[in-house]
Amino acid sequence: MYLTKEIKEEIFAKHGKGKNDSGTAEAQIALFTHRINHLTEHLKNNRKDYNTERSLVKLVGKRRALLDYLTKKDILRYRAIVKELGLRK
């Protein structure tokens, strides 16, 4: 499986406030980005997998909503996570 417990803990430790902190917007955005990257690679090989394509679009929407929330709440945190993850807008 591409998303093991260890990978999640590593993402949360790097982008959250602690190893088990999955609640901050930064940690969730980082996790969504990891999943989006994985699904994008899957779709490069499986172009007709429409269920995965739909899941990818939903994940991108969720990540966009969290990024919008961070923009309104704290613009410095937003800029930091966008720069750290290499997202563009």
C-alpha atoms as a PDB file:
ATOM      1  CA  MET A   1       0.000   0.000   0.000  1.00  0.00           C
ATOM      2  CA  TYR A   2       1.284   3.429  -0.903  1.00  0.00           C
ATOM      3  CA  LEU A   3       0.151   5.155   2.301  1.00  0.00           C
ATOM      4  CA  THR A   4       1.372   3.270   5.331  1.00  0.00           C
ATOM      5  CA  LYS A   5       1.175   4.298   8.964  1.00  0.00           C
ATOM      6  CA  GLU A   6       4.850   5.287   8.927  1.00  0.00           C
ATOM      7  CA  ILE A   7       4.410   7.561   5.915  1.00  0.00           C
ATOM      8  CA  LYS A   8       1.440   9.277   7.553  1.00  0.00           C
ATOM      9  CA  GLU A   9       3.377   9.799  10.788  1.00  0.00           C
ATOM     10  CA  GLU A  10       6.286  11.230   8.818  1.00  0.00           C
ATOM     11  CA  ILE A  11       4.000  13.661   6.969  1.00  0.00           C
ATOM     12  CA  PHE A  12       2.257  14.729  10.173  1.00  0.00           C
ATOM     13  CA  ALA A  13       5.562  15.146  12.025  1.00  0.00           C
ATOM     14  CA  LYS A  14       7.003  17.279   9.242  1.00  0.00           C
ATOM     15  CA  HIS A  15       3.977  19.478   8.545  1.00  0.00           C
ATOM     16  CA  GLY A  16       1.929  19.247  11.734  1.00  0.00           C
ATOM     17  CA  LYS A  17       2.706  20.160  15.304  1.00  0.00           C
ATOM     18  CA  GLY A  18       3.672  16.628  16.295  1.00  0.00           C
ATOM     19  CA  LYS A  19       3.861  12.998  15.192  1.00  0.00           C
ATOM     20  CA  ASN A  20       0.162  12.345  15.767  1.00  0.00           C
ATOM     21  CA  ASP A  21      -1.147  15.780  14.805  1.00  0.00           C
ATOM     22  CA  SER A  22      -3.478  15.134  11.897  1.00  0.00           C
ATOM     23  CA  GLY A  23      -5.840  18.003  12.594  1.00  0.00           C
ATOM     24  CA  THR A  24      -3.954  21.062  11.436  1.00  0.00           C
ATOM     25  CA  ALA A  25      -4.687  22.397   7.997  1.00  0.00           C
ATOM     26  CA  GLU A  26      -1.025  22.106   7.003  1.00  0.00           C
ATOM     27  CA  ALA A  27      -0.899  18.412   7.878  1.00  0.00           C
ATOM     28  CA  GLN A  28      -4.102  17.684   5.972  1.00  0.00           C
ATOM     29  CA  ILE A  29      -2.923  19.655   2.945  1.00  0.00           C
ATOM     30  CA  ALA A  30       0.362  17.732   2.952  1.00  0.00           C
ATOM     31  CA  LEU A  31      -1.468  14.413   3.175  1.00  0.00           C
ATOM     32  CA  PHE A  32      -3.837  15.374   0.357  1.00  0.00           C
ATOM     33  CA  THR A  33      -0.859  16.445  -1.757  1.00  0.00           C
ATOM     34  CA  HIS A  34       0.810  13.071  -1.218  1.00  0.00           C
ATOM     35  CA  ARG A  35      -2.384  11.271  -2.240  1.00  0.00           C
ATOM     36  CA  ILE A  36      -2.919  13.561  -5.248  1.00  0.00           C
ATOM     37  CA  ASN A  37       0.607  12.888  -6.499  1.00  0.00           C
ATOM     38  CA  HIS A  38       0.067   9.144  -6.173  1.00  0.00           C
ATOM     39  CA  LEU A  39      -3.265   9.219  -8.014  1.00  0.00           C
ATOM     40  CA  THR A  40      -1.787  11.385 -10.761  1.00  0.00           C
ATOM     41  CA  GLU A  41       0.911   8.791 -11.394  1.00  0.00           C
ATOM     42  CA  HIS A  42      -1.728   6.044 -11.424  1.00  0.00           C
ATOM     43  CA  LEU A  43      -3.798   7.909 -13.992  1.00  0.00           C
ATOM     44  CA  LYS A  44      -0.799   8.336 -16.287  1.00  0.00           C
ATOM     45  CA  ASN A  45      -0.761   4.556 -16.702  1.00  0.00           C
ATOM     46  CA  ASN A  46      -4.536   3.967 -16.491  1.00  0.00           C
ATOM     47  CA  ARG A  47      -6.189   6.695 -18.529  1.00  0.00           C
ATOM     48  CA  LYS A  48      -9.660   5.158 -18.485  1.00  0.00           C
ATOM     49  CA  ASP A  49      -9.916   4.695 -14.725  1.00  0.00           C
ATOM     50  CA  TYR A  50     -12.744   7.163 -14.264  1.00  0.00           C
ATOM     51  CA  ASN A  51     -13.415   6.323 -10.618  1.00  0.00           C
ATOM     52  CA  THR A  52      -9.862   7.282  -9.709  1.00  0.00           C
ATOM     53  CA  GLU A  53     -10.179  10.412 -11.814  1.00  0.00           C
ATOM     54  CA  ARG A  54     -13.280  11.410  -9.867  1.00  0.00           C
ATOM     55  CA  SER A  55     -11.500  10.743  -6.565  1.00  0.00           C
ATOM     56  CA  LEU A  56      -8.607  12.898  -7.707  1.00  0.00           C
ATOM     57  CA  VAL A  57     -10.907  15.795  -8.562  1.00  0.00           C
ATOM     58  CA  LYS A  58     -12.589  15.535  -5.154  1.00  0.00           C
ATOM     59  CA  LEU A  59      -9.221  15.516  -3.367  1.00  0.00           C
ATOM     60  CA  VAL A  60      -8.060  18.568  -5.289  1.00  0.00           C
ATOM     61  CA  GLY A  61     -11.276  20.343  -4.256  1.00  0.00           C
ATOM     62  CA  LYS A  62     -10.767  19.446  -0.600  1.00  0.00           C
ATOM     63  CA  ARG A  63      -7.181  20.672  -0.708  1.00  0.00           C
ATOM     64  CA  ARG A  64      -8.275  23.899  -2.407  1.00  0.00           C
ATOM     65  CA  ALA A  65     -10.875  24.466   0.324  1.00  0.00           C
ATOM     66  CA  LEU A  66      -8.243  24.023   3.035  1.00  0.00           C
ATOM     67  CA  LEU A  67      -5.879  26.370   1.221  1.00  0.00           C
ATOM     68  CA  ASP A  68      -8.653  28.962   0.957  1.00  0.00           C
ATOM     69  CA  TYR A  69      -9.319  28.559   4.675  1.00  0.00           C
ATOM     70  CA  LEU A  70      -5.643  29.149   5.450  1.00  0.00           C
ATOM     71  CA  THR A  71      -5.624  32.206   3.200  1.00  0.00           C
ATOM     72  CA  LYS A  72      -8.418  33.766   5.222  1.00  0.00           C
ATOM     73  CA  LYS A  73      -7.120  32.619   8.613  1.00  0.00           C
ATOM     74  CA  ASP A  74      -3.368  33.211   8.390  1.00  0.00           C
ATOM     75  CA  ILE A  75      -1.707  34.253   5.137  1.00  0.00           C
ATOM     76  CA  LEU A  76       1.800  33.518   6.448  1.00  0.00           C
ATOM     77  CA  ARG A  77       0.949  29.872   7.156  1.00  0.00           C
ATOM     78  CA  TYR A  78      -0.599  29.649   3.685  1.00  0.00           C
ATOM     79  CA  ARG A  79       2.520  31.028   1.988  1.00  0.00           C
ATOM     80  CA  ALA A  80       4.762  28.716   4.015  1.00  0.00           C
ATOM     81  CA  ILE A  81       2.866  25.530   3.129  1.00  0.00           C
ATOM     82  CA  VAL A  82       2.562  26.466  -0.556  1.00  0.00           C
ATOM     83  CA  LYS A  83       6.291  27.104  -0.744  1.00  0.00           C
ATOM     84  CA  GLU A  84       7.178  23.968   1.220  1.00  0.00           C
ATOM     85  CA  LEU A  85       5.024  21.658  -0.891  1.00  0.00           C
ATOM     86  CA  GLY A  86       5.778  23.378  -4.173  1.00  0.00           C
ATOM     87  CA  LEU A  87       2.157  24.138  -4.955  1.00  0.00           C
ATOM     88  CA  ARG A  88       1.353  26.843  -7.444  1.00  0.00           C
ATOM     89  CA  LYS A  89      -1.437  29.310  -7.654  1.00  0.00           C
END
